[in-house]
Amino acid sequence: VAVLPVVAAAGAAVSACGPTTDEER
């Protein structure tokens, strides 16, 4: 249970690094 927030935060950070549709366009 203690690891879940860390994994969720890491996943959100990684997905935020990719370009958005507007940036791609």
mmCIF file of all heavy atoms, coordinates in Angstrom:
data_MODEL
# 
_entry.id   MODEL 
# 
loop_
_atom_site.group_PDB 
_atom_site.id 
_atom_site.type_symbol 
_atom_site.label_atom_id 
_atom_site.label_alt_id 
_atom_site.label_comp_id 
_atom_site.label_asym_id 
_atom_site.label_entity_id 
_atom_site.label_seq_id 
_atom_site.pdbx_PDB_ins_code 
_atom_site.Cartn_x 
_atom_site.Cartn_y 
_atom_site.Cartn_z 
_atom_site.occupancy 
_atom_site.B_iso_or_equiv 
_atom_site.pdbx_formal_charge 
_atom_site.auth_seq_id 
_atom_site.auth_comp_id 
_atom_site.auth_asym_id 
_atom_site.auth_atom_id 
_atom_site.pdbx_PDB_model_num 
ATOM 1   N N   . VAL A 1 1  ? 0.841  -1.197 0.000   1.00 0.00 ? 1  VAL A N   1 
ATOM 2   C CA  . VAL A 1 1  ? 0.000  0.000  0.000   1.00 0.00 ? 1  VAL A CA  1 
ATOM 3   C C   . VAL A 1 1  ? 0.876  1.247  0.000   1.00 0.00 ? 1  VAL A C   1 
ATOM 4   O O   . VAL A 1 1  ? 0.552  2.245  -0.640  1.00 0.00 ? 1  VAL A O   1 
ATOM 5   C CB  . VAL A 1 1  ? -0.963 -0.022 1.205   1.00 0.00 ? 1  VAL A CB  1 
ATOM 6   C CG1 . VAL A 1 1  ? -1.677 1.291  1.375   1.00 0.00 ? 1  VAL A CG1 1 
ATOM 7   C CG2 . VAL A 1 1  ? -1.962 -1.157 1.046   1.00 0.00 ? 1  VAL A CG2 1 
ATOM 8   N N   . ALA A 1 2  ? 1.997  1.225  0.689   1.00 0.00 ? 2  ALA A N   1 
ATOM 9   C CA  . ALA A 1 2  ? 2.882  2.388  0.747   1.00 0.00 ? 2  ALA A CA  1 
ATOM 10  C C   . ALA A 1 2  ? 3.520  2.675  -0.606  1.00 0.00 ? 2  ALA A C   1 
ATOM 11  O O   . ALA A 1 2  ? 3.817  3.830  -0.928  1.00 0.00 ? 2  ALA A O   1 
ATOM 12  C CB  . ALA A 1 2  ? 3.963  2.158  1.797   1.00 0.00 ? 2  ALA A CB  1 
ATOM 13  N N   . VAL A 1 3  ? 3.719  1.658  -1.414  1.00 0.00 ? 3  VAL A N   1 
ATOM 14  C CA  . VAL A 1 3  ? 4.358  1.831  -2.713  1.00 0.00 ? 3  VAL A CA  1 
ATOM 15  C C   . VAL A 1 3  ? 3.379  2.394  -3.755  1.00 0.00 ? 3  VAL A C   1 
ATOM 16  O O   . VAL A 1 3  ? 3.780  3.076  -4.694  1.00 0.00 ? 3  VAL A O   1 
ATOM 17  C CB  . VAL A 1 3  ? 4.963  0.488  -3.183  1.00 0.00 ? 3  VAL A CB  1 
ATOM 18  C CG1 . VAL A 1 3  ? 5.434  0.549  -4.615  1.00 0.00 ? 3  VAL A CG1 1 
ATOM 19  C CG2 . VAL A 1 3  ? 6.095  0.079  -2.263  1.00 0.00 ? 3  VAL A CG2 1 
ATOM 20  N N   . LEU A 1 4  ? 2.116  2.151  -3.628  1.00 0.00 ? 4  LEU A N   1 
ATOM 21  C CA  . LEU A 1 4  ? 1.128  2.571  -4.634  1.00 0.00 ? 4  LEU A CA  1 
ATOM 22  C C   . LEU A 1 4  ? 1.172  4.069  -4.959  1.00 0.00 ? 4  LEU A C   1 
ATOM 23  O O   . LEU A 1 4  ? 1.167  4.432  -6.137  1.00 0.00 ? 4  LEU A O   1 
ATOM 24  C CB  . LEU A 1 4  ? -0.279 2.152  -4.211  1.00 0.00 ? 4  LEU A CB  1 
ATOM 25  C CG  . LEU A 1 4  ? -0.575 0.661  -4.348  1.00 0.00 ? 4  LEU A CG  1 
ATOM 26  C CD1 . LEU A 1 4  ? -1.965 0.349  -3.824  1.00 0.00 ? 4  LEU A CD1 1 
ATOM 27  C CD2 . LEU A 1 4  ? -0.424 0.217  -5.776  1.00 0.00 ? 4  LEU A CD2 1 
ATOM 28  N N   . PRO A 1 5  ? 1.217  4.977  -3.978  1.00 0.00 ? 5  PRO A N   1 
ATOM 29  C CA  . PRO A 1 5  ? 1.272  6.405  -4.339  1.00 0.00 ? 5  PRO A CA  1 
ATOM 30  C C   . PRO A 1 5  ? 2.535  6.767  -5.123  1.00 0.00 ? 5  PRO A C   1 
ATOM 31  O O   . PRO A 1 5  ? 2.492  7.599  -6.027  1.00 0.00 ? 5  PRO A O   1 
ATOM 32  C CB  . PRO A 1 5  ? 1.239  7.124  -2.990  1.00 0.00 ? 5  PRO A CB  1 
ATOM 33  C CG  . PRO A 1 5  ? 0.678  6.151  -2.028  1.00 0.00 ? 5  PRO A CG  1 
ATOM 34  C CD  . PRO A 1 5  ? 1.055  4.797  -2.540  1.00 0.00 ? 5  PRO A CD  1 
ATOM 35  N N   . VAL A 1 6  ? 3.645  6.132  -4.793  1.00 0.00 ? 6  VAL A N   1 
ATOM 36  C CA  . VAL A 1 6  ? 4.898  6.402  -5.508  1.00 0.00 ? 6  VAL A CA  1 
ATOM 37  C C   . VAL A 1 6  ? 4.777  5.948  -6.957  1.00 0.00 ? 6  VAL A C   1 
ATOM 38  O O   . VAL A 1 6  ? 5.161  6.656  -7.886  1.00 0.00 ? 6  VAL A O   1 
ATOM 39  C CB  . VAL A 1 6  ? 6.085  5.706  -4.803  1.00 0.00 ? 6  VAL A CB  1 
ATOM 40  C CG1 . VAL A 1 6  ? 7.355  5.849  -5.619  1.00 0.00 ? 6  VAL A CG1 1 
ATOM 41  C CG2 . VAL A 1 6  ? 6.261  6.259  -3.406  1.00 0.00 ? 6  VAL A CG2 1 
ATOM 42  N N   . VAL A 1 7  ? 4.220  4.765  -7.175  1.00 0.00 ? 7  VAL A N   1 
ATOM 43  C CA  . VAL A 1 7  ? 4.040  4.249  -8.533  1.00 0.00 ? 7  VAL A CA  1 
ATOM 44  C C   . VAL A 1 7  ? 3.079  5.134  -9.309  1.00 0.00 ? 7  VAL A C   1 
ATOM 45  O O   . VAL A 1 7  ? 3.315  5.471  -10.478 1.00 0.00 ? 7  VAL A O   1 
ATOM 46  C CB  . VAL A 1 7  ? 3.549  2.781  -8.487  1.00 0.00 ? 7  VAL A CB  1 
ATOM 47  C CG1 . VAL A 1 7  ? 3.126  2.294  -9.858  1.00 0.00 ? 7  VAL A CG1 1 
ATOM 48  C CG2 . VAL A 1 7  ? 4.622  1.888  -7.901  1.00 0.00 ? 7  VAL A CG2 1 
ATOM 49  N N   . ALA A 1 8  ? 1.997  5.557  -8.682  1.00 0.00 ? 8  ALA A N   1 
ATOM 50  C CA  . ALA A 1 8  ? 1.025  6.422  -9.358  1.00 0.00 ? 8  ALA A CA  1 
ATOM 51  C C   . ALA A 1 8  ? 1.652  7.762  -9.716  1.00 0.00 ? 8  ALA A C   1 
ATOM 52  O O   . ALA A 1 8  ? 1.449  8.287  -10.824 1.00 0.00 ? 8  ALA A O   1 
ATOM 53  C CB  . ALA A 1 8  ? -0.197 6.621  -8.479  1.00 0.00 ? 8  ALA A CB  1 
ATOM 54  N N   . ALA A 1 9  ? 2.422  8.343  -8.828  1.00 0.00 ? 9  ALA A N   1 
ATOM 55  C CA  . ALA A 1 9  ? 3.071  9.626  -9.102  1.00 0.00 ? 9  ALA A CA  1 
ATOM 56  C C   . ALA A 1 9  ? 4.096  9.488  -10.223 1.00 0.00 ? 9  ALA A C   1 
ATOM 57  O O   . ALA A 1 9  ? 4.206  10.355 -11.095 1.00 0.00 ? 9  ALA A O   1 
ATOM 58  C CB  . ALA A 1 9  ? 3.738  10.164 -7.841  1.00 0.00 ? 9  ALA A CB  1 
ATOM 59  N N   . ALA A 1 10 ? 4.850  8.411  -10.226 1.00 0.00 ? 10 ALA A N   1 
ATOM 60  C CA  . ALA A 1 10 ? 5.839  8.177  -11.287 1.00 0.00 ? 10 ALA A CA  1 
ATOM 61  C C   . ALA A 1 10 ? 5.145  8.023  -12.633 1.00 0.00 ? 10 ALA A C   1 
ATOM 62  O O   . ALA A 1 10 ? 5.585  8.560  -13.647 1.00 0.00 ? 10 ALA A O   1 
ATOM 63  C CB  . ALA A 1 10 ? 6.686  6.960  -10.971 1.00 0.00 ? 10 ALA A CB  1 
ATOM 64  N N   . GLY A 1 11 ? 4.054  7.293  -12.665 1.00 0.00 ? 11 GLY A N   1 
ATOM 65  C CA  . GLY A 1 11 ? 3.303  7.121  -13.911 1.00 0.00 ? 11 GLY A CA  1 
ATOM 66  C C   . GLY A 1 11 ? 2.773  8.445  -14.425 1.00 0.00 ? 11 GLY A C   1 
ATOM 67  O O   . GLY A 1 11 ? 2.830  8.735  -15.619 1.00 0.00 ? 11 GLY A O   1 
ATOM 68  N N   . ALA A 1 12 ? 2.269  9.282  -13.545 1.00 0.00 ? 12 ALA A N   1 
ATOM 69  C CA  . ALA A 1 12 ? 1.753  10.588 -13.950 1.00 0.00 ? 12 ALA A CA  1 
ATOM 70  C C   . ALA A 1 12 ? 2.886  11.474 -14.465 1.00 0.00 ? 12 ALA A C   1 
ATOM 71  O O   . ALA A 1 12 ? 2.722  12.194 -15.449 1.00 0.00 ? 12 ALA A O   1 
ATOM 72  C CB  . ALA A 1 12 ? 1.050  11.258 -12.774 1.00 0.00 ? 12 ALA A CB  1 
ATOM 73  N N   . ALA A 1 13 ? 4.033  11.412 -13.817 1.00 0.00 ? 13 ALA A N   1 
ATOM 74  C CA  . ALA A 1 13 ? 5.164  12.230 -14.246 1.00 0.00 ? 13 ALA A CA  1 
ATOM 75  C C   . ALA A 1 13 ? 5.662  11.802 -15.615 1.00 0.00 ? 13 ALA A C   1 
ATOM 76  O O   . ALA A 1 13 ? 5.980  12.643 -16.469 1.00 0.00 ? 13 ALA A O   1 
ATOM 77  C CB  . ALA A 1 13 ? 6.292  12.148 -13.224 1.00 0.00 ? 13 ALA A CB  1 
ATOM 78  N N   . VAL A 1 14 ? 5.721  10.502 -15.854 1.00 0.00 ? 14 VAL A N   1 
ATOM 79  C CA  . VAL A 1 14 ? 6.184  10.008 -17.148 1.00 0.00 ? 14 VAL A CA  1 
ATOM 80  C C   . VAL A 1 14 ? 5.209  10.385 -18.248 1.00 0.00 ? 14 VAL A C   1 
ATOM 81  O O   . VAL A 1 14 ? 5.592  10.836 -19.318 1.00 0.00 ? 14 VAL A O   1 
ATOM 82  C CB  . VAL A 1 14 ? 6.402  8.475  -17.100 1.00 0.00 ? 14 VAL A CB  1 
ATOM 83  C CG1 . VAL A 1 14 ? 6.598  7.907  -18.492 1.00 0.00 ? 14 VAL A CG1 1 
ATOM 84  C CG2 . VAL A 1 14 ? 7.591  8.152  -16.216 1.00 0.00 ? 14 VAL A CG2 1 
ATOM 85  N N   . SER A 1 15 ? 3.929  10.260 -18.004 1.00 0.00 ? 15 SER A N   1 
ATOM 86  C CA  . SER A 1 15 ? 2.953  10.605 -19.034 1.00 0.00 ? 15 SER A CA  1 
ATOM 87  C C   . SER A 1 15 ? 2.920  12.101 -19.293 1.00 0.00 ? 15 SER A C   1 
ATOM 88  O O   . SER A 1 15 ? 2.593  12.534 -20.393 1.00 0.00 ? 15 SER A O   1 
ATOM 89  C CB  . SER A 1 15 ? 1.566  10.086 -18.671 1.00 0.00 ? 15 SER A CB  1 
ATOM 90  O OG  . SER A 1 15 ? 1.075  10.775 -17.544 1.00 0.00 ? 15 SER A OG  1 
ATOM 91  N N   . ALA A 1 16 ? 3.267  12.911 -18.310 1.00 0.00 ? 16 ALA A N   1 
ATOM 92  C CA  . ALA A 1 16 ? 3.284  14.361 -18.500 1.00 0.00 ? 16 ALA A CA  1 
ATOM 93  C C   . ALA A 1 16 ? 4.463  14.811 -19.348 1.00 0.00 ? 16 ALA A C   1 
ATOM 94  O O   . ALA A 1 16 ? 4.458  15.909 -19.889 1.00 0.00 ? 16 ALA A O   1 
ATOM 95  C CB  . ALA A 1 16 ? 3.334  15.064 -17.148 1.00 0.00 ? 16 ALA A CB  1 
ATOM 96  N N   . CYS A 1 17 ? 5.468  13.972 -19.505 1.00 0.00 ? 17 CYS A N   1 
ATOM 97  C CA  . CYS A 1 17 ? 6.648  14.336 -20.279 1.00 0.00 ? 17 CYS A CA  1 
ATOM 98  C C   . CYS A 1 17 ? 6.415  14.253 -21.785 1.00 0.00 ? 17 CYS A C   1 
ATOM 99  O O   . CYS A 1 17 ? 7.119  14.867 -22.552 1.00 0.00 ? 17 CYS A O   1 
ATOM 100 C CB  . CYS A 1 17 ? 7.830  13.433 -19.912 1.00 0.00 ? 17 CYS A CB  1 
ATOM 101 S SG  . CYS A 1 17 ? 8.405  13.693 -18.238 1.00 0.00 ? 17 CYS A SG  1 
ATOM 102 N N   . GLY A 1 18 ? 5.473  13.482 -22.226 1.00 0.00 ? 18 GLY A N   1 
ATOM 103 C CA  . GLY A 1 18 ? 5.219  13.310 -23.655 1.00 0.00 ? 18 GLY A CA  1 
ATOM 104 C C   . GLY A 1 18 ? 4.492  14.510 -24.233 1.00 0.00 ? 18 GLY A C   1 
ATOM 105 O O   . GLY A 1 18 ? 3.852  15.278 -23.518 1.00 0.00 ? 18 GLY A O   1 
ATOM 106 N N   . PRO A 1 19 ? 4.595  14.692 -25.545 1.00 0.00 ? 19 PRO A N   1 
ATOM 107 C CA  . PRO A 1 19 ? 3.924  15.830 -26.167 1.00 0.00 ? 19 PRO A CA  1 
ATOM 108 C C   . PRO A 1 19 ? 2.408  15.645 -26.175 1.00 0.00 ? 19 PRO A C   1 
ATOM 109 O O   . PRO A 1 19 ? 1.903  14.527 -26.254 1.00 0.00 ? 19 PRO A O   1 
ATOM 110 C CB  . PRO A 1 19 ? 4.474  15.823 -27.594 1.00 0.00 ? 19 PRO A CB  1 
ATOM 111 C CG  . PRO A 1 19 ? 4.925  14.428 -27.825 1.00 0.00 ? 19 PRO A CG  1 
ATOM 112 C CD  . PRO A 1 19 ? 5.323  13.893 -26.483 1.00 0.00 ? 19 PRO A CD  1 
ATOM 113 N N   . THR A 1 20 ? 1.712  16.759 -26.077 1.00 0.00 ? 20 THR A N   1 
ATOM 114 C CA  . THR A 1 20 ? 0.261  16.714 -26.164 1.00 0.00 ? 20 THR A CA  1 
ATOM 115 C C   . THR A 1 20 ? -0.141 16.820 -27.623 1.00 0.00 ? 20 THR A C   1 
ATOM 116 O O   . THR A 1 20 ? 0.677  17.119 -28.492 1.00 0.00 ? 20 THR A O   1 
ATOM 117 C CB  . THR A 1 20 ? -0.359 17.880 -25.376 1.00 0.00 ? 20 THR A CB  1 
ATOM 118 O OG1 . THR A 1 20 ? 0.024  19.108 -26.008 1.00 0.00 ? 20 THR A OG1 1 
ATOM 119 C CG2 . THR A 1 20 ? 0.070  17.871 -23.925 1.00 0.00 ? 20 THR A CG2 1 
ATOM 120 N N   . THR A 1 21 ? -1.399 16.618 -27.889 1.00 0.00 ? 21 THR A N   1 
ATOM 121 C CA  . THR A 1 21 ? -1.891 16.695 -29.269 1.00 0.00 ? 21 THR A CA  1 
ATOM 122 C C   . THR A 1 21 ? -1.640 18.082 -29.852 1.00 0.00 ? 21 THR A C   1 
ATOM 123 O O   . THR A 1 21 ? -1.256 18.204 -31.016 1.00 0.00 ? 21 THR A O   1 
ATOM 124 C CB  . THR A 1 21 ? -3.389 16.342 -29.307 1.00 0.00 ? 21 THR A CB  1 
ATOM 125 O OG1 . THR A 1 21 ? -3.544 15.054 -28.744 1.00 0.00 ? 21 THR A OG1 1 
ATOM 126 C CG2 . THR A 1 21 ? -3.912 16.346 -30.711 1.00 0.00 ? 21 THR A CG2 1 
ATOM 127 N N   . ASP A 1 22 ? -1.842 19.131 -29.066 1.00 0.00 ? 22 ASP A N   1 
ATOM 128 C CA  . ASP A 1 22 ? -1.595 20.495 -29.559 1.00 0.00 ? 22 ASP A CA  1 
ATOM 129 C C   . ASP A 1 22 ? -0.121 20.698 -29.899 1.00 0.00 ? 22 ASP A C   1 
ATOM 130 O O   . ASP A 1 22 ? 0.204  21.312 -30.913 1.00 0.00 ? 22 ASP A O   1 
ATOM 131 C CB  . ASP A 1 22 ? -2.031 21.541 -28.522 1.00 0.00 ? 22 ASP A CB  1 
ATOM 132 C CG  . ASP A 1 22 ? -3.541 21.615 -28.379 1.00 0.00 ? 22 ASP A CG  1 
ATOM 133 O OD1 . ASP A 1 22 ? -4.254 21.157 -29.295 1.00 0.00 ? 22 ASP A OD1 1 
ATOM 134 O OD2 . ASP A 1 22 ? -4.001 22.141 -27.348 1.00 0.00 ? 22 ASP A OD2 1 
ATOM 135 N N   . GLU A 1 23 ? 0.766  20.183 -29.060 1.00 0.00 ? 23 GLU A N   1 
ATOM 136 C CA  . GLU A 1 23 ? 2.198  20.306 -29.331 1.00 0.00 ? 23 GLU A CA  1 
ATOM 137 C C   . GLU A 1 23 ? 2.578  19.535 -30.578 1.00 0.00 ? 23 GLU A C   1 
ATOM 138 O O   . GLU A 1 23 ? 3.391  20.002 -31.384 1.00 0.00 ? 23 GLU A O   1 
ATOM 139 C CB  . GLU A 1 23 ? 3.014  19.813 -28.134 1.00 0.00 ? 23 GLU A CB  1 
ATOM 140 C CG  . GLU A 1 23 ? 2.917  20.710 -26.917 1.00 0.00 ? 23 GLU A CG  1 
ATOM 141 C CD  . GLU A 1 23 ? 3.516  20.074 -25.678 1.00 0.00 ? 23 GLU A CD  1 
ATOM 142 O OE1 . GLU A 1 23 ? 3.688  18.838 -25.653 1.00 0.00 ? 23 GLU A OE1 1 
ATOM 143 O OE2 . GLU A 1 23 ? 3.800  20.817 -24.731 1.00 0.00 ? 23 GLU A OE2 1 
ATOM 144 N N   . GLU A 1 24 ? 2.005  18.371 -30.758 1.00 0.00 ? 24 GLU A N   1 
ATOM 145 C CA  . GLU A 1 24 ? 2.285  17.569 -31.950 1.00 0.00 ? 24 GLU A CA  1 
ATOM 146 C C   . GLU A 1 24 ? 1.801  18.289 -33.202 1.00 0.00 ? 24 GLU A C   1 
ATOM 147 O O   . GLU A 1 24 ? 2.491  18.327 -34.217 1.00 0.00 ? 24 GLU A O   1 
ATOM 148 C CB  . GLU A 1 24 ? 1.620  16.190 -31.835 1.00 0.00 ? 24 GLU A CB  1 
ATOM 149 C CG  . GLU A 1 24 ? 2.246  15.316 -30.774 1.00 0.00 ? 24 GLU A CG  1 
ATOM 150 C CD  . GLU A 1 24 ? 1.430  14.086 -30.457 1.00 0.00 ? 24 GLU A CD  1 
ATOM 151 O OE1 . GLU A 1 24 ? 0.214  14.070 -30.749 1.00 0.00 ? 24 GLU A OE1 1 
ATOM 152 O OE2 . GLU A 1 24 ? 2.013  13.135 -29.903 1.00 0.00 ? 24 GLU A OE2 1 
ATOM 153 N N   . ARG A 1 25 ? 0.604  18.854 -33.128 1.00 0.00 ? 25 ARG A N   1 
ATOM 154 C CA  . ARG A 1 25 ? 0.064  19.584 -34.277 1.00 0.00 ? 25 ARG A CA  1 
ATOM 155 C C   . ARG A 1 25 ? 0.945  20.793 -34.598 1.00 0.00 ? 25 ARG A C   1 
ATOM 156 O O   . ARG A 1 25 ? 1.259  21.047 -35.765 1.00 0.00 ? 25 ARG A O   1 
ATOM 157 C CB  . ARG A 1 25 ? -1.373 20.031 -33.998 1.00 0.00 ? 25 ARG A CB  1 
ATOM 158 C CG  . ARG A 1 25 ? -2.022 20.710 -35.216 1.00 0.00 ? 25 ARG A CG  1 
ATOM 159 C CD  . ARG A 1 25 ? -3.323 21.419 -34.892 1.00 0.00 ? 25 ARG A CD  1 
ATOM 160 N NE  . ARG A 1 25 ? -3.042 22.553 -34.025 1.00 0.00 ? 25 ARG A NE  1 
ATOM 161 C CZ  . ARG A 1 25 ? -3.515 22.712 -32.793 1.00 0.00 ? 25 ARG A CZ  1 
ATOM 162 N NH1 . ARG A 1 25 ? -4.304 21.820 -32.257 1.00 0.00 ? 25 ARG A NH1 1 
ATOM 163 N NH2 . ARG A 1 25 ? -3.204 23.774 -32.077 1.00 0.00 ? 25 ARG A NH2 1 
# 
